[in-house]
Amino acid sequence: MEHQIRLAIKKALDKCEAAKMPHVCLLKQTKTGYQRLESLILKLMIKNEFTPSEAIAHIENENL
């Protein structure tokens, strides 16, 4: 299950377009940034029942 969730997050992050989500795309370029994004996405998925894509959009909009 954990592997499937991490894979879904990776797939959603792979679709990141710098023109639309510059903050997220910049963060995902480093190991530390990717780990931070993954953690935030997981928390939002659990707390708010977001999909990975919804969590990514929320992170970008809130500049978390």
PDB file of N, CA and C in Angstrom:
ATOM      1  N   MET A   1       0.823  -1.195   0.000  1.00  0.00           N
ATOM      2  CA  MET A   1       0.000   0.000   0.000  1.00  0.00           C
ATOM      3  C   MET A   1       0.866   1.257   0.000  1.00  0.00           C
ATOM      4  N   GLU A   2       1.869   1.291   0.880  1.00  0.00           N
ATOM      5  CA  GLU A   2       2.736   2.462   0.962  1.00  0.00           C
ATOM      6  C   GLU A   2       3.437   2.710  -0.370  1.00  0.00           C
ATOM      7  N   HIS A   3       3.902   1.636  -0.989  1.00  0.00           N
ATOM      8  CA  HIS A   3       4.585   1.761  -2.284  1.00  0.00           C
ATOM      9  C   HIS A   3       3.648   2.357  -3.333  1.00  0.00           C
ATOM     10  N   GLN A   4       2.400   1.923  -3.341  1.00  0.00           N
ATOM     11  CA  GLN A   4       1.424   2.425  -4.311  1.00  0.00           C
ATOM     12  C   GLN A   4       1.154   3.903  -4.107  1.00  0.00           C
ATOM     13  N   ILE A   5       1.086   4.335  -2.860  1.00  0.00           N
ATOM     14  CA  ILE A   5       0.848   5.750  -2.562  1.00  0.00           C
ATOM     15  C   ILE A   5       2.044   6.581  -3.003  1.00  0.00           C
ATOM     16  N   ARG A   6       3.242   6.123  -2.664  1.00  0.00           N
ATOM     17  CA  ARG A   6       4.454   6.851  -3.080  1.00  0.00           C
ATOM     18  C   ARG A   6       4.566   6.906  -4.602  1.00  0.00           C
ATOM     19  N   LEU A   7       4.172   5.856  -5.275  1.00  0.00           N
ATOM     20  CA  LEU A   7       4.195   5.833  -6.731  1.00  0.00           C
ATOM     21  C   LEU A   7       3.179   6.829  -7.304  1.00  0.00           C
ATOM     22  N   ALA A   8       1.997   6.908  -6.710  1.00  0.00           N
ATOM     23  CA  ALA A   8       0.982   7.866  -7.151  1.00  0.00           C
ATOM     24  C   ALA A   8       1.471   9.300  -6.958  1.00  0.00           C
ATOM     25  N   ILE A   9       2.157   9.545  -5.851  1.00  0.00           N
ATOM     26  CA  ILE A   9       2.722  10.870  -5.595  1.00  0.00           C
ATOM     27  C   ILE A   9       3.797  11.183  -6.632  1.00  0.00           C
ATOM     28  N   LYS A  10       4.669  10.216  -6.906  1.00  0.00           N
ATOM     29  CA  LYS A  10       5.731  10.417  -7.887  1.00  0.00           C
ATOM     30  C   LYS A  10       5.151  10.727  -9.261  1.00  0.00           C
ATOM     31  N   LYS A  11       4.128   9.981  -9.659  1.00  0.00           N
ATOM     32  CA  LYS A  11       3.496  10.212 -10.963  1.00  0.00           C
ATOM     33  C   LYS A  11       2.901  11.614 -11.041  1.00  0.00           C
ATOM     34  N   ALA A  12       2.256  12.049  -9.959  1.00  0.00           N
ATOM     35  CA  ALA A  12       1.666  13.389  -9.940  1.00  0.00           C
ATOM     36  C   ALA A  12       2.755  14.458  -9.992  1.00  0.00           C
ATOM     37  N   LEU A  13       3.844  14.240  -9.269  1.00  0.00           N
ATOM     38  CA  LEU A  13       4.942  15.212  -9.287  1.00  0.00           C
ATOM     39  C   LEU A  13       5.648  15.228 -10.640  1.00  0.00           C
ATOM     40  N   ASP A  14       5.688  14.104 -11.320  1.00  0.00           N
ATOM     41  CA  ASP A  14       6.310  14.045 -12.644  1.00  0.00           C
ATOM     42  C   ASP A  14       5.547  14.888 -13.665  1.00  0.00           C
ATOM     43  N   LYS A  15       4.286  15.140 -13.415  1.00  0.00           N
ATOM     44  CA  LYS A  15       3.461  15.945 -14.324  1.00  0.00           C
ATOM     45  C   LYS A  15       3.588  17.444 -14.053  1.00  0.00           C
ATOM     46  N   CYS A  16       4.376  17.796 -13.062  1.00  0.00           N
ATOM     47  CA  CYS A  16       4.534  19.193 -12.659  1.00  0.00           C
ATOM     48  C   CYS A  16       5.086  20.035 -13.811  1.00  0.00           C
ATOM     49  N   GLU A  17       4.417  21.139 -14.103  1.00  0.00           N
ATOM     50  CA  GLU A  17       4.864  22.067 -15.132  1.00  0.00           C
ATOM     51  C   GLU A  17       5.341  23.346 -14.450  1.00  0.00           C
ATOM     52  N   ALA A  18       6.571  23.735 -14.730  1.00  0.00           N
ATOM     53  CA  ALA A  18       7.180  24.897 -14.071  1.00  0.00           C
ATOM     54  C   ALA A  18       6.380  26.175 -14.291  1.00  0.00           C
ATOM     55  N   ALA A  19       5.757  26.310 -15.449  1.00  0.00           N
ATOM     56  CA  ALA A  19       4.982  27.520 -15.731  1.00  0.00           C
ATOM     57  C   ALA A  19       3.738  27.628 -14.846  1.00  0.00           C
ATOM     58  N   LYS A  20       3.177  26.464 -14.484  1.00  0.00           N
ATOM     59  CA  LYS A  20       1.956  26.450 -13.676  1.00  0.00           C
ATOM     60  C   LYS A  20       2.241  26.306 -12.183  1.00  0.00           C
ATOM     61  N   MET A  21       3.321  25.593 -11.825  1.00  0.00           N
ATOM     62  CA  MET A  21       3.631  25.310 -10.428  1.00  0.00           C
ATOM     63  C   MET A  21       5.124  25.494 -10.158  1.00  0.00           C
ATOM     64  N   PRO A  22       5.591  26.730 -10.244  1.00  0.00           N
ATOM     65  CA  PRO A  22       7.037  26.961 -10.098  1.00  0.00           C
ATOM     66  C   PRO A  22       7.590  26.555  -8.737  1.00  0.00           C
ATOM     67  N   HIS A  23       6.844  26.790  -7.671  1.00  0.00           N
ATOM     68  CA  HIS A  23       7.315  26.480  -6.315  1.00  0.00           C
ATOM     69  C   HIS A  23       7.509  24.970  -6.142  1.00  0.00           C
ATOM     70  N   VAL A  24       6.510  24.210  -6.505  1.00  0.00           N
ATOM     71  CA  VAL A  24       6.571  22.754  -6.364  1.00  0.00           C
ATOM     72  C   VAL A  24       7.656  22.178  -7.274  1.00  0.00           C
ATOM     73  N   CYS A  25       7.707  22.643  -8.505  1.00  0.00           N
ATOM     74  CA  CYS A  25       8.703  22.124  -9.450  1.00  0.00           C
ATOM     75  C   CYS A  25      10.129  22.420  -8.985  1.00  0.00           C
ATOM     76  N   LEU A  26      10.330  23.556  -8.384  1.00  0.00           N
ATOM     77  CA  LEU A  26      11.649  23.891  -7.854  1.00  0.00           C
ATOM     78  C   LEU A  26      12.005  22.991  -6.669  1.00  0.00           C
ATOM     79  N   LEU A  27      11.053  22.793  -5.774  1.00  0.00           N
ATOM     80  CA  LEU A  27      11.292  21.955  -4.598  1.00  0.00           C
ATOM     81  C   LEU A  27      11.628  20.515  -4.968  1.00  0.00           C
ATOM     82  N   LYS A  28      10.955  19.975  -5.950  1.00  0.00           N
ATOM     83  CA  LYS A  28      11.125  18.555  -6.274  1.00  0.00           C
ATOM     84  C   LYS A  28      12.476  18.240  -6.903  1.00  0.00           C
ATOM     85  N   GLN A  29      13.249  19.259  -7.246  1.00  0.00           N
ATOM     86  CA  GLN A  29      14.528  19.039  -7.912  1.00  0.00           C
ATOM     87  C   GLN A  29      15.640  18.562  -6.981  1.00  0.00           C
ATOM     88  N   THR A  30      15.457  18.734  -5.675  1.00  0.00           N
ATOM     89  CA  THR A  30      16.472  18.258  -4.730  1.00  0.00           C
ATOM     90  C   THR A  30      15.890  17.116  -3.905  1.00  0.00           C
ATOM     91  N   LYS A  31      16.766  16.282  -3.380  1.00  0.00           N
ATOM     92  CA  LYS A  31      16.315  15.156  -2.562  1.00  0.00           C
ATOM     93  C   LYS A  31      15.553  15.649  -1.335  1.00  0.00           C
ATOM     94  N   THR A  32      16.095  16.661  -0.670  1.00  0.00           N
ATOM     95  CA  THR A  32      15.443  17.215   0.522  1.00  0.00           C
ATOM     96  C   THR A  32      14.093  17.825   0.164  1.00  0.00           C
ATOM     97  N   GLY A  33      14.052  18.561  -0.932  1.00  0.00           N
ATOM     98  CA  GLY A  33      12.803  19.178  -1.364  1.00  0.00           C
ATOM     99  C   GLY A  33      11.760  18.139  -1.730  1.00  0.00           C
ATOM    100  N   TYR A  34      12.175  17.089  -2.425  1.00  0.00           N
ATOM    101  CA  TYR A  34      11.255  16.021  -2.810  1.00  0.00           C
ATOM    102  C   TYR A  34      10.696  15.338  -1.563  1.00  0.00           C
ATOM    103  N   GLN A  35      11.576  15.058  -0.606  1.00  0.00           N
ATOM    104  CA  GLN A  35      11.131  14.406   0.636  1.00  0.00           C
ATOM    105  C   GLN A  35      10.145  15.294   1.384  1.00  0.00           C
ATOM    106  N   ARG A  36      10.401  16.601   1.396  1.00  0.00           N
ATOM    107  CA  ARG A  36       9.490  17.540   2.059  1.00  0.00           C
ATOM    108  C   ARG A  36       8.131  17.539   1.348  1.00  0.00           C
ATOM    109  N   LEU A  37       8.166  17.599   0.020  1.00  0.00           N
ATOM    110  CA  LEU A  37       6.921  17.564  -0.745  1.00  0.00           C
ATOM    111  C   LEU A  37       6.146  16.278  -0.485  1.00  0.00           C
ATOM    112  N   GLU A  38       6.844  15.158  -0.528  1.00  0.00           N
ATOM    113  CA  GLU A  38       6.191  13.869  -0.309  1.00  0.00           C
ATOM    114  C   GLU A  38       5.520  13.837   1.068  1.00  0.00           C
ATOM    115  N   SER A  39       6.206  14.334   2.062  1.00  0.00           N
ATOM    116  CA  SER A  39       5.653  14.366   3.415  1.00  0.00           C
ATOM    117  C   SER A  39       4.410  15.258   3.488  1.00  0.00           C
ATOM    118  N   LEU A  40       4.502  16.440   2.896  1.00  0.00           N
ATOM    119  CA  LEU A  40       3.351  17.355   2.898  1.00  0.00           C
ATOM    120  C   LEU A  40       2.164  16.750   2.152  1.00  0.00           C
ATOM    121  N   ILE A  41       2.437  16.139   1.021  1.00  0.00           N
ATOM    122  CA  ILE A  41       1.367  15.520   0.223  1.00  0.00           C
ATOM    123  C   ILE A  41       0.702  14.403   1.013  1.00  0.00           C
ATOM    124  N   LEU A  42       1.503  13.550   1.651  1.00  0.00           N
ATOM    125  CA  LEU A  42       0.939  12.472   2.475  1.00  0.00           C
ATOM    126  C   LEU A  42       0.044  13.016   3.580  1.00  0.00           C
ATOM    127  N   LYS A  43       0.509  14.055   4.257  1.00  0.00           N
ATOM    128  CA  LYS A  43      -0.285  14.657   5.338  1.00  0.00           C
ATOM    129  C   LYS A  43      -1.608  15.202   4.813  1.00  0.00           C
ATOM    130  N   LEU A  44      -1.558  15.888   3.674  1.00  0.00           N
ATOM    131  CA  LEU A  44      -2.781  16.446   3.107  1.00  0.00           C
ATOM    132  C   LEU A  44      -3.722  15.351   2.620  1.00  0.00           C
ATOM    133  N   MET A  45      -3.168  14.275   2.102  1.00  0.00           N
ATOM    134  CA  MET A  45      -3.998  13.157   1.664  1.00  0.00           C
ATOM    135  C   MET A  45      -4.741  12.537   2.844  1.00  0.00           C
ATOM    136  N   ILE A  46      -4.060  12.428   3.966  1.00  0.00           N
ATOM    137  CA  ILE A  46      -4.675  11.822   5.147  1.00  0.00           C
ATOM    138  C   ILE A  46      -5.642  12.787   5.821  1.00  0.00           C
ATOM    139  N   LYS A  47      -5.187  14.006   6.066  1.00  0.00           N
ATOM    140  CA  LYS A  47      -5.977  14.981   6.821  1.00  0.00           C
ATOM    141  C   LYS A  47      -7.181  15.504   6.038  1.00  0.00           C
ATOM    142  N   ASN A  48      -6.968  15.809   4.757  1.00  0.00           N
ATOM    143  CA  ASN A  48      -8.015  16.447   3.968  1.00  0.00           C
ATOM    144  C   ASN A  48      -8.624  15.537   2.902  1.00  0.00           C
ATOM    145  N   GLU A  49      -8.146  14.293   2.856  1.00  0.00           N
ATOM    146  CA  GLU A  49      -8.604  13.335   1.858  1.00  0.00           C
ATOM    147  C   GLU A  49      -8.387  13.843   0.438  1.00  0.00           C
ATOM    148  N   PHE A  50      -7.251  14.518   0.220  1.00  0.00           N
ATOM    149  CA  PHE A  50      -6.881  15.009  -1.102  1.00  0.00           C
ATOM    150  C   PHE A  50      -6.285  13.878  -1.929  1.00  0.00           C
ATOM    151  N   THR A  51      -6.399  13.999  -3.234  1.00  0.00           N
ATOM    152  CA  THR A  51      -5.625  13.154  -4.135  1.00  0.00           C
ATOM    153  C   THR A  51      -4.215  13.763  -4.183  1.00  0.00           C
ATOM    154  N   PRO A  52      -3.227  13.035  -4.691  1.00  0.00           N
ATOM    155  CA  PRO A  52      -1.897  13.640  -4.811  1.00  0.00           C
ATOM    156  C   PRO A  52      -1.918  14.947  -5.613  1.00  0.00           C
ATOM    157  N   SER A  53      -2.659  14.978  -6.691  1.00  0.00           N
ATOM    158  CA  SER A  53      -2.720  16.188  -7.527  1.00  0.00           C
ATOM    159  C   SER A  53      -3.361  17.359  -6.782  1.00  0.00           C
ATOM    160  N   GLU A  54      -4.402  17.085  -6.026  1.00  0.00           N
ATOM    161  CA  GLU A  54      -5.048  18.135  -5.234  1.00  0.00           C
ATOM    162  C   GLU A  54      -4.095  18.661  -4.164  1.00  0.00           C
ATOM    163  N   ALA A  55      -3.359  17.756  -3.552  1.00  0.00           N
ATOM    164  CA  ALA A  55      -2.399  18.168  -2.519  1.00  0.00           C
ATOM    165  C   ALA A  55      -1.300  19.032  -3.130  1.00  0.00           C
ATOM    166  N   ILE A  56      -0.818  18.664  -4.303  1.00  0.00           N
ATOM    167  CA  ILE A  56       0.218  19.444  -4.973  1.00  0.00           C
ATOM    168  C   ILE A  56      -0.292  20.842  -5.304  1.00  0.00           C
ATOM    169  N   ALA A  57      -1.494  20.927  -5.827  1.00  0.00           N
ATOM    170  CA  ALA A  57      -2.082  22.239  -6.138  1.00  0.00           C
ATOM    171  C   ALA A  57      -2.223  23.075  -4.863  1.00  0.00           C
ATOM    172  N   HIS A  58      -2.636  22.443  -3.785  1.00  0.00           N
ATOM    173  CA  HIS A  58      -2.787  23.156  -2.513  1.00  0.00           C
ATOM    174  C   HIS A  58      -1.428  23.671  -2.018  1.00  0.00           C
ATOM    175  N   ILE A  59      -0.418  22.855  -2.105  1.00  0.00           N
ATOM    176  CA  ILE A  59       0.933  23.259  -1.683  1.00  0.00           C
ATOM    177  C   ILE A  59       1.402  24.449  -2.509  1.00  0.00           C
ATOM    178  N   GLU A  60       1.178  24.404  -3.816  1.00  0.00           N
ATOM    179  CA  GLU A  60       1.577  25.511  -4.682  1.00  0.00           C
ATOM    180  C   GLU A  60       0.806  26.783  -4.332  1.00  0.00           C
ATOM    181  N   ASN A  61      -0.507  26.665  -4.168  1.00  0.00           N
ATOM    182  CA  ASN A  61      -1.337  27.836  -3.882  1.00  0.00           C
ATOM    183  C   ASN A  61      -1.030  28.458  -2.534  1.00  0.00           C
ATOM    184  N   GLU A  62      -0.713  27.624  -1.561  1.00  0.00           N
ATOM    185  CA  GLU A  62      -0.414  28.120  -0.219  1.00  0.00           C
ATOM    186  C   GLU A  62       1.065  28.414  -0.033  1.00  0.00           C
ATOM    187  N   ASN A  63       1.859  28.058  -1.053  1.00  0.00           N
ATOM    188  CA  ASN A  63       3.315  28.266  -1.018  1.00  0.00           C
ATOM    189  C   ASN A  63       3.920  27.663   0.247  1.00  0.00           C
ATOM    190  N   LEU A  64       3.535  26.418   0.547  1.00  0.00           N
ATOM    191  CA  LEU A  64       3.982  25.729   1.758  1.00  0.00           C
ATOM    192  C   LEU A  64       5.407  25.237   1.637  1.00  0.00           C
TER     193      LEU A  64
END
